[in-house]
Structures are given as structure tokens and as C-alpha cells.
Amino acid sequence: MSERAEEDYHGNPGRVGGTGSPAEDIEEERARNRLWDLKEEAKWGKDTMTQKKAIEELSKSGVPAISYLEEILAVVPPGEIKQYCQDIIIGISRPLPDESEGGAEALEAKVRTPD
């Protein structure tokens, strides 16, 4: 039985019939909904702190968050939130340096300094 790709009500790619057990499908749907909610909060949050918290939480999902972060970049005006979002994308995209390269301090410096 083939599965036909379609989009869920948030516009996220999904699969008809799911990809695993009903419990796994529910968990995947919850995760997608959570990412979508965080993206919307980051775009339209009531204040900068709310937006930053949403972006930070979104970033915890790693590479899957990049498309959501790029969508946020497309709609927020230039300023603190746009820069914060760009810094997060850079941090996700770059591999973590090992201890010989300075560890977390080196990563923080790289995120703050544009190439």
C-alpha cells in the first residue's frame, strides 16, 4: 500500500496513514504542532522576550528547526529578533567545535562574529 504525501493543516509535509504506530503518529503530530506554535509565537509574539524564548525553544529541535527559523526571518523586520534568529541558524548549521578548538566559548564567539 503506497502512502501519498500531502500537507497537514499547518502546511507541513505529512503522510496519509502515518508512518508508524498510532502512538508514534500522534507524537509526531504533537511535535510538528509544537514547532508550528513556536514559529508563530516567534513571528507574532507580544514582545521581544517572548519572541526570543520561542526562537530558543524552537532551536532545541536542531536541524528540523531551520526551515521554521527561515520563515521567521522572512517576516520579521530588521532588528534584534532577525539578528537573533540568524545567529541561531548559524549555530545550528555549524558543527560543534571539539575541545581542542576552544569548546563552547569558540562556538559562542563564532556565532557572534559574522564570517
C-alpha atoms as a PDB file:
ATOM      1  CA  MET A   1       0.000   0.000   0.000  1.00  0.00           C
ATOM      2  CA  SER A   2       1.570   3.286  -1.068  1.00  0.00           C
ATOM      3  CA  GLU A   3       1.465   6.411   1.049  1.00  0.00           C
ATOM      4  CA  ARG A   4       0.550   9.659  -0.654  1.00  0.00           C
ATOM      5  CA  ALA A   5       2.360  12.778   0.579  1.00  0.00           C
ATOM      6  CA  GLU A   6       0.213  15.750   1.479  1.00  0.00           C
ATOM      7  CA  GLU A   7       0.311  18.718   3.823  1.00  0.00           C
ATOM      8  CA  ASP A   8      -1.307  18.893   7.222  1.00  0.00           C
ATOM      9  CA  TYR A   9      -3.422  21.869   8.246  1.00  0.00           C
ATOM     10  CA  HIS A  10      -0.279  23.848   9.108  1.00  0.00           C
ATOM     11  CA  GLY A  11       1.208  23.342   5.650  1.00  0.00           C
ATOM     12  CA  ASN A  12       3.775  20.870   6.923  1.00  0.00           C
ATOM     13  CA  PRO A  13       4.538  17.787   4.842  1.00  0.00           C
ATOM     14  CA  GLY A  14       2.878  14.705   6.230  1.00  0.00           C
ATOM     15  CA  ARG A  15       1.768  11.279   5.145  1.00  0.00           C
ATOM     16  CA  VAL A  16      -1.678   9.844   4.723  1.00  0.00           C
ATOM     17  CA  GLY A  17      -1.967   6.897   7.029  1.00  0.00           C
ATOM     18  CA  GLY A  18       1.073   7.842   9.098  1.00  0.00           C
ATOM     19  CA  THR A  19       4.481   6.286   9.159  1.00  0.00           C
ATOM     20  CA  GLY A  20       4.335   4.131  12.255  1.00  0.00           C
ATOM     21  CA  SER A  21       2.060   3.094  15.059  1.00  0.00           C
ATOM     22  CA  PRO A  22      -0.878   5.324  16.001  1.00  0.00           C
ATOM     23  CA  ALA A  23       1.019   6.418  19.124  1.00  0.00           C
ATOM     24  CA  GLU A  24       4.073   7.387  17.040  1.00  0.00           C
ATOM     25  CA  ASP A  25       1.864   9.265  14.580  1.00  0.00           C
ATOM     26  CA  ILE A  26       0.239  11.193  17.429  1.00  0.00           C
ATOM     27  CA  GLU A  27       3.640  12.043  18.910  1.00  0.00           C
ATOM     28  CA  GLU A  28       4.943  13.229  15.517  1.00  0.00           C
ATOM     29  CA  GLU A  29       1.838  15.370  15.042  1.00  0.00           C
ATOM     30  CA  ARG A  30       2.296  16.903  18.504  1.00  0.00           C
ATOM     31  CA  ALA A  31       5.935  17.683  17.731  1.00  0.00           C
ATOM     32  CA  ARG A  32       5.001  19.333  14.408  1.00  0.00           C
ATOM     33  CA  ASN A  33       2.257  21.329  16.106  1.00  0.00           C
ATOM     34  CA  ARG A  34       4.655  22.442  18.845  1.00  0.00           C
ATOM     35  CA  LEU A  35       7.197  23.641  16.268  1.00  0.00           C
ATOM     36  CA  TRP A  36       4.453  25.456  14.369  1.00  0.00           C
ATOM     37  CA  ASP A  37       3.187  27.121  17.567  1.00  0.00           C
ATOM     38  CA  LEU A  38       6.713  28.228  18.478  1.00  0.00           C
ATOM     39  CA  LYS A  39       7.249  29.613  14.967  1.00  0.00           C
ATOM     40  CA  GLU A  40       4.040  31.646  15.202  1.00  0.00           C
ATOM     41  CA  GLU A  41       4.986  32.914  18.669  1.00  0.00           C
ATOM     42  CA  ALA A  42       8.400  33.941  17.334  1.00  0.00           C
ATOM     43  CA  LYS A  43       6.807  35.793  14.425  1.00  0.00           C
ATOM     44  CA  TRP A  44       3.926  37.466  16.228  1.00  0.00           C
ATOM     45  CA  GLY A  45       4.848  37.393  19.951  1.00  0.00           C
ATOM     46  CA  LYS A  46       3.696  40.272  22.124  1.00  0.00           C
ATOM     47  CA  ASP A  47       7.250  41.390  22.938  1.00  0.00           C
ATOM     48  CA  THR A  48      10.891  40.733  22.098  1.00  0.00           C
ATOM     49  CA  MET A  49      11.474  38.479  25.112  1.00  0.00           C
ATOM     50  CA  THR A  50       8.513  36.256  24.160  1.00  0.00           C
ATOM     51  CA  GLN A  51       9.803  36.019  20.603  1.00  0.00           C
ATOM     52  CA  LYS A  52      13.346  35.170  21.746  1.00  0.00           C
ATOM     53  CA  LYS A  53      12.096  32.460  24.105  1.00  0.00           C
ATOM     54  CA  ALA A  54      10.105  30.893  21.261  1.00  0.00           C
ATOM     55  CA  ILE A  55      13.140  31.002  18.940  1.00  0.00           C
ATOM     56  CA  GLU A  56      15.361  29.479  21.617  1.00  0.00           C
ATOM     57  CA  GLU A  57      12.866  26.684  22.279  1.00  0.00           C
ATOM     58  CA  LEU A  58      12.450  26.097  18.550  1.00  0.00           C
ATOM     59  CA  SER A  59      16.214  25.851  18.121  1.00  0.00           C
ATOM     60  CA  LYS A  60      16.353  22.912  20.546  1.00  0.00           C
ATOM     61  CA  SER A  61      14.930  20.682  17.810  1.00  0.00           C
ATOM     62  CA  GLY A  62      18.128  21.257  15.798  1.00  0.00           C
ATOM     63  CA  VAL A  63      18.274  20.996  12.007  1.00  0.00           C
ATOM     64  CA  PRO A  64      14.492  20.479  11.606  1.00  0.00           C
ATOM     65  CA  ALA A  65      14.029  23.970  13.081  1.00  0.00           C
ATOM     66  CA  ILE A  66      15.980  25.699  10.304  1.00  0.00           C
ATOM     67  CA  SER A  67      13.052  25.884   7.869  1.00  0.00           C
ATOM     68  CA  TYR A  68      10.870  27.389  10.609  1.00  0.00           C
ATOM     69  CA  LEU A  69      13.593  29.886  11.503  1.00  0.00           C
ATOM     70  CA  GLU A  70      13.974  30.865   7.845  1.00  0.00           C
ATOM     71  CA  GLU A  71      10.242  31.524   7.691  1.00  0.00           C
ATOM     72  CA  ILE A  72      10.540  33.749  10.765  1.00  0.00           C
ATOM     73  CA  LEU A  73      13.385  35.641   9.073  1.00  0.00           C
ATOM     74  CA  ALA A  74      11.169  36.261   6.055  1.00  0.00           C
ATOM     75  CA  VAL A  75       8.503  38.116   8.044  1.00  0.00           C
ATOM     76  CA  VAL A  76      10.180  39.875  10.958  1.00  0.00           C
ATOM     77  CA  PRO A  77      11.515  43.376  10.373  1.00  0.00           C
ATOM     78  CA  PRO A  78      15.249  44.064  10.590  1.00  0.00           C
ATOM     79  CA  GLY A  79      16.386  44.332  14.180  1.00  0.00           C
ATOM     80  CA  GLU A  80      17.117  42.338  17.280  1.00  0.00           C
ATOM     81  CA  ILE A  81      14.817  39.369  16.533  1.00  0.00           C
ATOM     82  CA  LYS A  82      16.067  38.982  12.969  1.00  0.00           C
ATOM     83  CA  GLN A  83      19.705  39.017  14.166  1.00  0.00           C
ATOM     84  CA  TYR A  84      18.938  36.576  16.980  1.00  0.00           C
ATOM     85  CA  CYS A  85      17.272  34.227  14.509  1.00  0.00           C
ATOM     86  CA  GLN A  86      20.231  34.446  12.110  1.00  0.00           C
ATOM     87  CA  ASP A  87      22.640  33.686  14.954  1.00  0.00           C
ATOM     88  CA  ILE A  88      20.601  30.631  15.951  1.00  0.00           C
ATOM     89  CA  ILE A  89      20.591  29.325  12.366  1.00  0.00           C
ATOM     90  CA  ILE A  90      24.377  29.743  12.189  1.00  0.00           C
ATOM     91  CA  GLY A  91      24.738  27.910  15.490  1.00  0.00           C
ATOM     92  CA  ILE A  92      22.587  25.010  14.298  1.00  0.00           C
ATOM     93  CA  SER A  93      24.287  24.821  10.907  1.00  0.00           C
ATOM     94  CA  ARG A  94      27.845  24.699  12.196  1.00  0.00           C
ATOM     95  CA  PRO A  95      29.200  21.554  13.821  1.00  0.00           C
ATOM     96  CA  LEU A  96      30.187  21.908  17.441  1.00  0.00           C
ATOM     97  CA  PRO A  97      33.912  22.518  17.857  1.00  0.00           C
ATOM     98  CA  ASP A  98      35.812  19.954  19.861  1.00  0.00           C
ATOM     99  CA  GLU A  99      37.713  20.861  22.999  1.00  0.00           C
ATOM    100  CA  SER A 100      40.943  21.444  21.073  1.00  0.00           C
ATOM    101  CA  GLU A 101      39.231  24.300  19.225  1.00  0.00           C
ATOM    102  CA  GLY A 102      38.060  26.034  22.389  1.00  0.00           C
ATOM    103  CA  GLY A 103      34.747  24.254  23.018  1.00  0.00           C
ATOM    104  CA  ALA A 104      31.620  26.265  23.783  1.00  0.00           C
ATOM    105  CA  GLU A 105      33.483  29.563  24.061  1.00  0.00           C
ATOM    106  CA  ALA A 106      34.731  29.215  20.480  1.00  0.00           C
ATOM    107  CA  LEU A 107      31.228  28.425  19.258  1.00  0.00           C
ATOM    108  CA  GLU A 108      29.785  31.466  21.026  1.00  0.00           C
ATOM    109  CA  ALA A 109      32.462  33.692  19.501  1.00  0.00           C
ATOM    110  CA  LYS A 110      31.755  32.280  16.033  1.00  0.00           C
ATOM    111  CA  VAL A 111      28.013  32.881  16.402  1.00  0.00           C
ATOM    112  CA  ARG A 112      28.607  36.484  17.465  1.00  0.00           C
ATOM    113  CA  THR A 113      31.134  37.269  14.735  1.00  0.00           C
ATOM    114  CA  PRO A 114      29.928  37.193  11.126  1.00  0.00           C
ATOM    115  CA  ASP A 115      32.201  35.485   8.595  1.00  0.00           C
END
